[in-house]
Amino acid sequence: MKRLTHIDANGEARMVDISAKPVQLREAVARGEIRLQRETVRLIESQSIAKGNVLATARVAGIQAAKKCGELIPLCHPLPISHCEVNFEIPKRRDRIVITASARIAAQTGVEMEALTAVSIAAMTIYDMCKAVDKKMTITDIKLVSKTKTDAQRRQKR
């Protein structure tokens, strides 16, 4: 079993030292969903929710949350992410909104926490904006879909 990197030899929590790691181009993609009543989806699409444009607000909230991830999670490195994108899909059953977030950076550590945070906060924003009309919403299945890294120097030479 792998050793936990956020625990020191004495069992105390610590921030991992990444100073010796090389800078690499990194990307992470996360996904989750919020299940809603079909009528709530219709109200969102027709921009009839009293608090405003739900998906536009949730997109901005997700991106903002990704940028603040290091402030929210105690041992997470504060990262100057270079790109974050939050997208929404409404499946044919029209009973949910699937949220996908990607985050990119050239850094010494990954951006999976930023992508996961973007999805989580986007879902919570949808929940907050729709809670007056839908008491049955459920946020579910938030997970990391992929993470990649590429040597930054090799990519620059192309």
N, C-alpha and C. Protein backbone atom coordinates (compact mmCIF):
# COMPACT_ATOMS: atom_id res chain seq x y z
N MET A 1 0.84 -1.19 0.00
CA MET A 1 0.00 0.00 0.00
C MET A 1 0.88 1.24 0.00
N LYS A 2 0.46 2.25 -0.78
CA LYS A 2 1.22 3.50 -0.86
C LYS A 2 1.17 4.25 0.46
N ARG A 3 2.25 4.97 0.75
CA ARG A 3 2.32 5.81 1.93
C ARG A 3 1.54 7.10 1.66
N LEU A 4 0.84 7.59 2.66
CA LEU A 4 0.10 8.85 2.53
C LEU A 4 1.08 10.01 2.51
N THR A 5 1.03 10.81 1.45
CA THR A 5 2.01 11.89 1.30
C THR A 5 1.72 13.10 2.17
N HIS A 6 0.51 13.22 2.67
CA HIS A 6 0.15 14.38 3.50
C HIS A 6 0.30 14.09 4.99
N ILE A 7 0.97 12.99 5.32
CA ILE A 7 1.21 12.62 6.72
C ILE A 7 2.72 12.46 6.90
N ASP A 8 3.29 13.12 7.92
CA ASP A 8 4.73 12.99 8.16
C ASP A 8 5.04 11.74 8.99
N ALA A 9 6.30 11.54 9.32
CA ALA A 9 6.74 10.34 10.06
C ALA A 9 6.09 10.24 11.43
N ASN A 10 5.66 11.34 11.99
CA ASN A 10 5.01 11.34 13.31
C ASN A 10 3.48 11.24 13.22
N GLY A 11 2.97 11.07 12.01
CA GLY A 11 1.52 10.97 11.84
C GLY A 11 0.81 12.31 11.78
N GLU A 12 1.56 13.39 11.64
CA GLU A 12 0.98 14.73 11.59
C GLU A 12 0.70 15.15 10.15
N ALA A 13 -0.35 15.93 9.97
CA ALA A 13 -0.67 16.46 8.64
C ALA A 13 0.40 17.44 8.18
N ARG A 14 0.70 17.40 6.89
CA ARG A 14 1.70 18.32 6.34
C ARG A 14 1.39 18.60 4.88
N MET A 15 1.86 19.73 4.42
CA MET A 15 1.75 20.04 3.00
C MET A 15 2.94 19.36 2.31
N VAL A 16 2.70 18.69 1.21
CA VAL A 16 3.75 18.00 0.47
C VAL A 16 4.70 19.03 -0.14
N ASP A 17 6.00 18.77 -0.04
CA ASP A 17 7.01 19.65 -0.63
C ASP A 17 7.18 19.26 -2.10
N ILE A 18 6.78 20.14 -2.99
CA ILE A 18 6.87 19.86 -4.42
C ILE A 18 8.01 20.63 -5.09
N SER A 19 8.85 21.29 -4.31
CA SER A 19 9.88 22.17 -4.87
C SER A 19 10.87 21.45 -5.78
N ALA A 20 11.12 20.18 -5.59
CA ALA A 20 12.08 19.45 -6.43
C ALA A 20 11.44 18.85 -7.68
N LYS A 21 10.13 18.91 -7.78
CA LYS A 21 9.45 18.32 -8.94
C LYS A 21 9.56 19.24 -10.15
N PRO A 22 9.63 18.67 -11.35
CA PRO A 22 9.71 19.51 -12.55
C PRO A 22 8.35 20.13 -12.89
N VAL A 23 8.40 21.27 -13.55
CA VAL A 23 7.18 21.89 -14.05
C VAL A 23 6.70 21.08 -15.25
N GLN A 24 5.44 20.71 -15.23
CA GLN A 24 4.85 19.97 -16.33
C GLN A 24 3.49 20.58 -16.67
N LEU A 25 3.09 20.39 -17.91
CA LEU A 25 1.75 20.81 -18.32
C LEU A 25 0.79 19.76 -17.81
N ARG A 26 -0.20 20.17 -17.06
CA ARG A 26 -1.12 19.24 -16.42
C ARG A 26 -2.56 19.64 -16.70
N GLU A 27 -3.40 18.63 -16.85
CA GLU A 27 -4.83 18.87 -17.04
C GLU A 27 -5.60 17.82 -16.27
N ALA A 28 -6.71 18.24 -15.71
CA ALA A 28 -7.61 17.32 -15.01
C ALA A 28 -9.03 17.61 -15.46
N VAL A 29 -9.82 16.54 -15.57
CA VAL A 29 -11.23 16.66 -15.93
C VAL A 29 -12.04 15.94 -14.85
N ALA A 30 -13.06 16.61 -14.36
CA ALA A 30 -13.95 16.03 -13.34
C ALA A 30 -15.39 16.14 -13.84
N ARG A 31 -16.22 15.28 -13.29
CA ARG A 31 -17.63 15.27 -13.69
C ARG A 31 -18.50 14.96 -12.49
N GLY A 32 -19.71 15.47 -12.53
CA GLY A 32 -20.70 15.17 -11.51
C GLY A 32 -22.06 15.52 -12.07
N GLU A 33 -23.08 15.33 -11.27
CA GLU A 33 -24.40 15.68 -11.76
C GLU A 33 -25.30 16.12 -10.63
N ILE A 34 -26.31 16.86 -11.01
CA ILE A 34 -27.36 17.23 -10.08
C ILE A 34 -28.67 16.73 -10.70
N ARG A 35 -29.37 15.95 -9.94
CA ARG A 35 -30.66 15.41 -10.39
C ARG A 35 -31.76 16.37 -9.95
N LEU A 36 -32.64 16.68 -10.90
CA LEU A 36 -33.71 17.64 -10.66
C LEU A 36 -35.01 17.11 -11.24
N GLN A 37 -36.09 17.74 -10.85
CA GLN A 37 -37.36 17.42 -11.48
C GLN A 37 -37.36 18.00 -12.90
N ARG A 38 -38.08 17.36 -13.79
CA ARG A 38 -38.12 17.81 -15.20
C ARG A 38 -38.61 19.26 -15.31
N GLU A 39 -39.54 19.63 -14.48
CA GLU A 39 -40.06 21.00 -14.50
C GLU A 39 -38.96 22.00 -14.12
N THR A 40 -38.08 21.62 -13.21
CA THR A 40 -36.98 22.50 -12.82
C THR A 40 -36.02 22.69 -13.99
N VAL A 41 -35.73 21.61 -14.71
CA VAL A 41 -34.88 21.71 -15.90
C VAL A 41 -35.52 22.66 -16.92
N ARG A 42 -36.83 22.54 -17.11
CA ARG A 42 -37.54 23.43 -18.04
C ARG A 42 -37.41 24.89 -17.60
N LEU A 43 -37.56 25.14 -16.30
CA LEU A 43 -37.44 26.51 -15.78
C LEU A 43 -36.02 27.05 -15.98
N ILE A 44 -35.02 26.20 -15.79
CA ILE A 44 -33.63 26.63 -16.00
C ILE A 44 -33.42 26.99 -17.47
N GLU A 45 -33.86 26.11 -18.36
CA GLU A 45 -33.67 26.35 -19.80
C GLU A 45 -34.39 27.60 -20.29
N SER A 46 -35.54 27.89 -19.72
CA SER A 46 -36.31 29.07 -20.15
C SER A 46 -35.91 30.32 -19.35
N GLN A 47 -34.89 30.18 -18.52
CA GLN A 47 -34.41 31.27 -17.66
C GLN A 47 -35.55 31.88 -16.85
N SER A 48 -36.36 31.00 -16.27
CA SER A 48 -37.50 31.42 -15.46
C SER A 48 -37.28 31.25 -13.96
N ILE A 49 -36.06 30.94 -13.56
CA ILE A 49 -35.75 30.85 -12.13
C ILE A 49 -35.58 32.28 -11.62
N ALA A 50 -36.22 32.59 -10.51
CA ALA A 50 -36.25 33.96 -9.99
C ALA A 50 -34.86 34.55 -9.72
N LYS A 51 -33.89 33.70 -9.36
CA LYS A 51 -32.56 34.22 -9.03
C LYS A 51 -31.71 34.55 -10.25
N GLY A 52 -32.19 34.22 -11.46
CA GLY A 52 -31.45 34.59 -12.67
C GLY A 52 -31.00 33.41 -13.50
N ASN A 53 -30.03 33.65 -14.36
CA ASN A 53 -29.52 32.64 -15.28
C ASN A 53 -28.71 31.61 -14.49
N VAL A 54 -29.30 30.46 -14.27
CA VAL A 54 -28.72 29.44 -13.39
C VAL A 54 -27.40 28.91 -13.93
N LEU A 55 -27.36 28.51 -15.19
CA LEU A 55 -26.15 27.88 -15.72
C LEU A 55 -25.01 28.88 -15.87
N ALA A 56 -25.30 30.09 -16.27
CA ALA A 56 -24.24 31.11 -16.37
C ALA A 56 -23.65 31.39 -14.99
N THR A 57 -24.50 31.50 -14.00
CA THR A 57 -24.04 31.76 -12.64
C THR A 57 -23.24 30.57 -12.11
N ALA A 58 -23.72 29.36 -12.36
CA ALA A 58 -23.01 28.16 -11.89
C ALA A 58 -21.66 28.02 -12.58
N ARG A 59 -21.58 28.39 -13.85
CA ARG A 59 -20.29 28.33 -14.57
C ARG A 59 -19.27 29.27 -13.91
N VAL A 60 -19.68 30.50 -13.68
CA VAL A 60 -18.77 31.47 -13.06
C VAL A 60 -18.39 31.01 -11.64
N ALA A 61 -19.35 30.51 -10.90
CA ALA A 61 -19.06 30.04 -9.53
C ALA A 61 -18.06 28.89 -9.55
N GLY A 62 -18.21 27.96 -10.50
CA GLY A 62 -17.28 26.83 -10.60
C GLY A 62 -15.87 27.28 -10.93
N ILE A 63 -15.75 28.19 -11.87
CA ILE A 63 -14.42 28.70 -12.24
C ILE A 63 -13.80 29.45 -11.07
N GLN A 64 -14.58 30.28 -10.42
CA GLN A 64 -14.09 31.03 -9.26
C GLN A 64 -13.64 30.08 -8.15
N ALA A 65 -14.39 29.01 -7.92
CA ALA A 65 -14.03 28.04 -6.88
C ALA A 65 -12.73 27.34 -7.21
N ALA A 66 -12.53 26.99 -8.49
CA ALA A 66 -11.28 26.33 -8.88
C ALA A 66 -10.09 27.24 -8.58
N LYS A 67 -10.25 28.52 -8.81
CA LYS A 67 -9.17 29.48 -8.55
C LYS A 67 -8.88 29.63 -7.05
N LYS A 68 -9.84 29.29 -6.20
CA LYS A 68 -9.69 29.44 -4.75
C LYS A 68 -9.48 28.10 -4.03
N CYS A 69 -9.25 27.06 -4.76
CA CYS A 69 -9.16 25.72 -4.18
C CYS A 69 -8.14 25.65 -3.04
N GLY A 70 -6.98 26.25 -3.22
CA GLY A 70 -5.94 26.23 -2.19
C GLY A 70 -6.35 26.92 -0.90
N GLU A 71 -7.34 27.81 -0.97
CA GLU A 71 -7.86 28.47 0.22
C GLU A 71 -8.92 27.62 0.92
N LEU A 72 -9.55 26.73 0.18
CA LEU A 72 -10.66 25.94 0.72
C LEU A 72 -10.21 24.62 1.33
N ILE A 73 -9.20 23.99 0.75
CA ILE A 73 -8.74 22.68 1.19
C ILE A 73 -7.39 22.88 1.88
N PRO A 74 -7.30 22.60 3.17
CA PRO A 74 -6.14 22.99 3.97
C PRO A 74 -4.76 22.61 3.44
N LEU A 75 -4.57 21.42 2.90
CA LEU A 75 -3.24 21.00 2.49
C LEU A 75 -3.04 21.05 0.98
N CYS A 76 -3.96 21.67 0.28
CA CYS A 76 -3.90 21.82 -1.17
C CYS A 76 -3.01 23.01 -1.51
N HIS A 77 -2.13 22.84 -2.48
CA HIS A 77 -1.26 23.95 -2.88
C HIS A 77 -2.08 25.03 -3.59
N PRO A 78 -1.81 26.30 -3.29
CA PRO A 78 -2.48 27.37 -4.04
C PRO A 78 -1.85 27.43 -5.43
N LEU A 79 -2.67 27.28 -6.47
CA LEU A 79 -2.14 27.20 -7.83
C LEU A 79 -2.69 28.31 -8.72
N PRO A 80 -1.82 28.92 -9.50
CA PRO A 80 -2.29 29.91 -10.49
C PRO A 80 -2.71 29.17 -11.76
N ILE A 81 -3.92 28.65 -11.78
CA ILE A 81 -4.34 27.84 -12.92
C ILE A 81 -4.38 28.71 -14.18
N SER A 82 -4.05 28.11 -15.30
CA SER A 82 -4.01 28.85 -16.56
C SER A 82 -5.32 28.77 -17.32
N HIS A 83 -6.15 27.78 -17.01
CA HIS A 83 -7.43 27.65 -17.69
C HIS A 83 -8.38 26.80 -16.86
N CYS A 84 -9.63 27.18 -16.86
CA CYS A 84 -10.67 26.36 -16.24
C CYS A 84 -11.93 26.54 -17.07
N GLU A 85 -12.60 25.44 -17.32
CA GLU A 85 -13.82 25.46 -18.11
C GLU A 85 -14.86 24.60 -17.42
N VAL A 86 -16.09 25.09 -17.37
CA VAL A 86 -17.21 24.35 -16.78
C VAL A 86 -18.31 24.28 -17.82
N ASN A 87 -18.76 23.05 -18.11
CA ASN A 87 -19.79 22.84 -19.12
C ASN A 87 -20.94 22.02 -18.54
N PHE A 88 -22.10 22.18 -19.16
CA PHE A 88 -23.32 21.51 -18.70
C PHE A 88 -23.95 20.74 -19.85
N GLU A 89 -24.53 19.60 -19.53
CA GLU A 89 -25.26 18.80 -20.51
C GLU A 89 -26.56 18.34 -19.86
N ILE A 90 -27.64 18.46 -20.59
CA ILE A 90 -28.93 17.97 -20.12
C ILE A 90 -29.27 16.74 -20.98
N PRO A 91 -29.20 15.55 -20.39
CA PRO A 91 -29.50 14.33 -21.15
C PRO A 91 -30.96 14.30 -21.62
N LYS A 92 -31.24 13.42 -22.57
CA LYS A 92 -32.58 13.31 -23.16
C LYS A 92 -33.67 13.06 -22.12
N ARG A 93 -33.34 12.38 -21.02
CA ARG A 93 -34.35 12.11 -19.98
C ARG A 93 -34.76 13.38 -19.25
N ARG A 94 -33.93 14.44 -19.35
CA ARG A 94 -34.24 15.76 -18.80
C ARG A 94 -34.52 15.73 -17.30
N ASP A 95 -33.80 14.85 -16.60
CA ASP A 95 -33.98 14.72 -15.15
C ASP A 95 -32.71 15.06 -14.38
N ARG A 96 -31.73 15.62 -15.08
CA ARG A 96 -30.45 15.93 -14.45
C ARG A 96 -29.66 16.90 -15.32
N ILE A 97 -28.66 17.48 -14.70
CA ILE A 97 -27.67 18.27 -15.44
C ILE A 97 -26.32 17.65 -15.12
N VAL A 98 -25.62 17.25 -16.17
CA VAL A 98 -24.27 16.70 -16.02
C VAL A 98 -23.29 17.86 -16.12
N ILE A 99 -22.41 17.96 -15.13
CA ILE A 99 -21.45 19.06 -15.05
C ILE A 99 -20.06 18.49 -15.30
N THR A 100 -19.34 19.08 -16.24
CA THR A 100 -17.96 18.68 -16.53
C THR A 100 -17.07 19.90 -16.38
N ALA A 101 -15.98 19.73 -15.66
CA ALA A 101 -15.02 20.82 -15.49
C ALA A 101 -13.63 20.33 -15.84
N SER A 102 -12.88 21.19 -16.51
CA SER A 102 -11.47 20.89 -16.78
C SER A 102 -10.64 22.05 -16.27
N ALA A 103 -9.44 21.72 -15.82
CA ALA A 103 -8.51 22.74 -15.35
C ALA A 103 -7.12 22.41 -15.90
N ARG A 104 -6.37 23.46 -16.28
CA ARG A 104 -5.02 23.27 -16.83
C ARG A 104 -4.04 24.20 -16.13
N ILE A 105 -2.79 23.75 -16.12
CA ILE A 105 -1.72 24.53 -15.50
C ILE A 105 -0.37 24.01 -15.97
N ALA A 106 0.62 24.85 -15.93
CA ALA A 106 2.02 24.43 -16.05
C ALA A 106 2.58 24.58 -14.64
N ALA A 107 2.81 23.45 -13.96
CA ALA A 107 3.18 23.51 -12.55
C ALA A 107 3.86 22.22 -12.10
N GLN A 108 4.20 22.20 -10.83
CA GLN A 108 4.86 21.05 -10.22
C GLN A 108 3.88 20.07 -9.57
N THR A 109 2.62 20.39 -9.60
CA THR A 109 1.61 19.51 -9.02
C THR A 109 0.33 19.59 -9.86
N GLY A 110 -0.53 18.61 -9.68
CA GLY A 110 -1.72 18.49 -10.52
C GLY A 110 -2.86 19.41 -10.13
N VAL A 111 -3.87 19.42 -10.99
CA VAL A 111 -5.02 20.30 -10.81
C VAL A 111 -6.32 19.52 -10.65
N GLU A 112 -6.24 18.28 -10.19
CA GLU A 112 -7.47 17.50 -10.04
C GLU A 112 -8.38 18.07 -8.96
N MET A 113 -7.83 18.61 -7.89
CA MET A 113 -8.68 19.18 -6.84
C MET A 113 -9.41 20.42 -7.35
N GLU A 114 -8.77 21.17 -8.23
CA GLU A 114 -9.41 22.35 -8.81
C GLU A 114 -10.59 21.95 -9.70
N ALA A 115 -10.41 20.91 -10.51
CA ALA A 115 -11.50 20.44 -11.37
C ALA A 115 -12.66 19.89 -10.53
N LEU A 116 -12.33 19.11 -9.50
CA LEU A 116 -13.37 18.56 -8.62
C LEU A 116 -14.11 19.67 -7.87
N THR A 117 -13.38 20.67 -7.43
CA THR A 117 -13.99 21.79 -6.72
C THR A 117 -14.91 22.58 -7.65
N ALA A 118 -14.48 22.76 -8.89
CA ALA A 118 -15.32 23.48 -9.86
C ALA A 118 -16.66 22.76 -10.06
N VAL A 119 -16.61 21.44 -10.22
CA VAL A 119 -17.85 20.67 -10.39
C VAL A 119 -18.73 20.79 -9.15
N SER A 120 -18.12 20.63 -7.98
CA SER A 120 -18.88 20.66 -6.73
C SER A 120 -19.58 21.99 -6.52
N ILE A 121 -18.87 23.08 -6.72
CA ILE A 121 -19.45 24.40 -6.48
C ILE A 121 -20.46 24.77 -7.57
N ALA A 122 -20.22 24.35 -8.79
CA ALA A 122 -21.21 24.58 -9.84
C ALA A 122 -22.52 23.87 -9.48
N ALA A 123 -22.41 22.62 -9.01
CA ALA A 123 -23.62 21.87 -8.61
C ALA A 123 -24.30 22.54 -7.42
N MET A 124 -23.53 22.99 -6.45
CA MET A 124 -24.12 23.64 -5.29
C MET A 124 -24.78 24.97 -5.66
N THR A 125 -24.25 25.64 -6.66
CA THR A 125 -24.86 26.90 -7.11
C THR A 125 -26.20 26.63 -7.78
N ILE A 126 -26.25 25.59 -8.61
CA ILE A 126 -27.54 25.20 -9.21
C ILE A 126 -28.54 24.89 -8.10
N TYR A 127 -28.09 24.12 -7.12
CA TYR A 127 -28.95 23.75 -5.99
C TYR A 127 -29.48 25.00 -5.30
N ASP A 128 -28.58 25.92 -4.98
CA ASP A 128 -28.97 27.14 -4.28
C ASP A 128 -29.97 27.96 -5.08
N MET A 129 -29.75 28.07 -6.37
CA MET A 129 -30.62 28.91 -7.19
C MET A 129 -31.99 28.28 -7.45
N CYS A 130 -32.07 26.95 -7.29
CA CYS A 130 -33.33 26.25 -7.60
C CYS A 130 -34.04 25.68 -6.37
N LYS A 131 -33.49 25.87 -5.20
CA LYS A 131 -34.07 25.22 -4.00
C LYS A 131 -35.49 25.68 -3.68
N ALA A 132 -35.87 26.86 -4.13
CA ALA A 132 -37.23 27.34 -3.86
C ALA A 132 -38.28 26.58 -4.69
N VAL A 133 -37.87 26.04 -5.83
CA VAL A 133 -38.84 25.35 -6.70
C VAL A 133 -38.68 23.84 -6.72
N ASP A 134 -37.57 23.32 -6.18
CA ASP A 134 -37.32 21.87 -6.25
C ASP A 134 -36.71 21.39 -4.93
N LYS A 135 -37.50 20.69 -4.16
CA LYS A 135 -37.05 20.19 -2.85
C LYS A 135 -36.43 18.79 -2.95
N LYS A 136 -36.36 18.22 -4.17
CA LYS A 136 -35.88 16.86 -4.34
C LYS A 136 -34.53 16.77 -5.04
N MET A 137 -33.86 17.87 -5.24
CA MET A 137 -32.57 17.85 -5.95
C MET A 137 -31.55 17.00 -5.20
N THR A 138 -30.70 16.33 -5.96
CA THR A 138 -29.62 15.52 -5.39
C THR A 138 -28.35 15.75 -6.18
N ILE A 139 -27.29 16.10 -5.50
CA ILE A 139 -25.96 16.21 -6.12
C ILE A 139 -25.30 14.85 -5.96
N THR A 140 -24.76 14.30 -7.07
CA THR A 140 -24.25 12.94 -7.01
C THR A 140 -23.12 12.70 -8.02
N ASP A 141 -22.44 11.61 -7.80
CA ASP A 141 -21.44 11.06 -8.75
C ASP A 141 -20.33 12.02 -9.12
N ILE A 142 -19.86 12.83 -8.20
CA ILE A 142 -18.72 13.71 -8.48
C ILE A 142 -17.46 12.85 -8.46
N LYS A 143 -16.70 12.91 -9.57
CA LYS A 143 -15.51 12.06 -9.67
C LYS A 143 -14.51 12.66 -10.64
N LEU A 144 -13.26 12.24 -10.48
CA LEU A 144 -12.21 12.60 -11.41
C LEU A 144 -12.32 11.69 -12.62
N VAL A 145 -12.39 12.27 -13.80
CA VAL A 145 -12.50 11.49 -15.03
C VAL A 145 -11.13 11.19 -15.61
N SER A 146 -10.24 12.19 -15.59
CA SER A 146 -8.89 11.99 -16.13
C SER A 146 -7.94 13.04 -15.58
N LYS A 147 -6.68 12.68 -15.60
CA LYS A 147 -5.64 13.66 -15.33
C LYS A 147 -4.43 13.27 -16.18
N THR A 148 -3.81 14.29 -16.76
CA THR A 148 -2.67 14.05 -17.64
C THR A 148 -1.57 15.05 -17.30
N LYS A 149 -0.35 14.66 -17.68
CA LYS A 149 0.78 15.58 -17.55
C LYS A 149 1.74 15.33 -18.70
N THR A 150 2.33 16.43 -19.17
CA THR A 150 3.26 16.41 -20.29
C THR A 150 4.47 17.24 -19.90
N ASP A 151 5.64 16.80 -20.28
CA ASP A 151 6.85 17.56 -20.02
C ASP A 151 6.74 18.93 -20.69
N ALA A 152 6.83 19.99 -19.93
CA ALA A 152 6.65 21.35 -20.45
C ALA A 152 7.73 21.73 -21.46
N GLN A 153 8.98 21.36 -21.23
CA GLN A 153 10.06 21.71 -22.15
C GLN A 153 9.90 21.02 -23.49
N ARG A 154 9.53 19.75 -23.47
CA ARG A 154 9.35 18.99 -24.71
C ARG A 154 8.21 19.59 -25.52
N ARG A 155 7.15 20.03 -24.87
CA ARG A 155 5.99 20.59 -25.57
C ARG A 155 6.33 21.94 -26.20
N GLN A 156 7.18 22.75 -25.52
CA GLN A 156 7.56 24.06 -26.05
C GLN A 156 8.40 23.95 -27.31
N LYS A 157 9.18 22.88 -27.46
CA LYS A 157 10.07 22.71 -28.61
C LYS A 157 9.31 22.34 -29.88
N ARG A 158 8.07 21.92 -29.79
CA ARG A 158 7.30 21.49 -30.98
C ARG A 158 6.98 22.62 -31.89
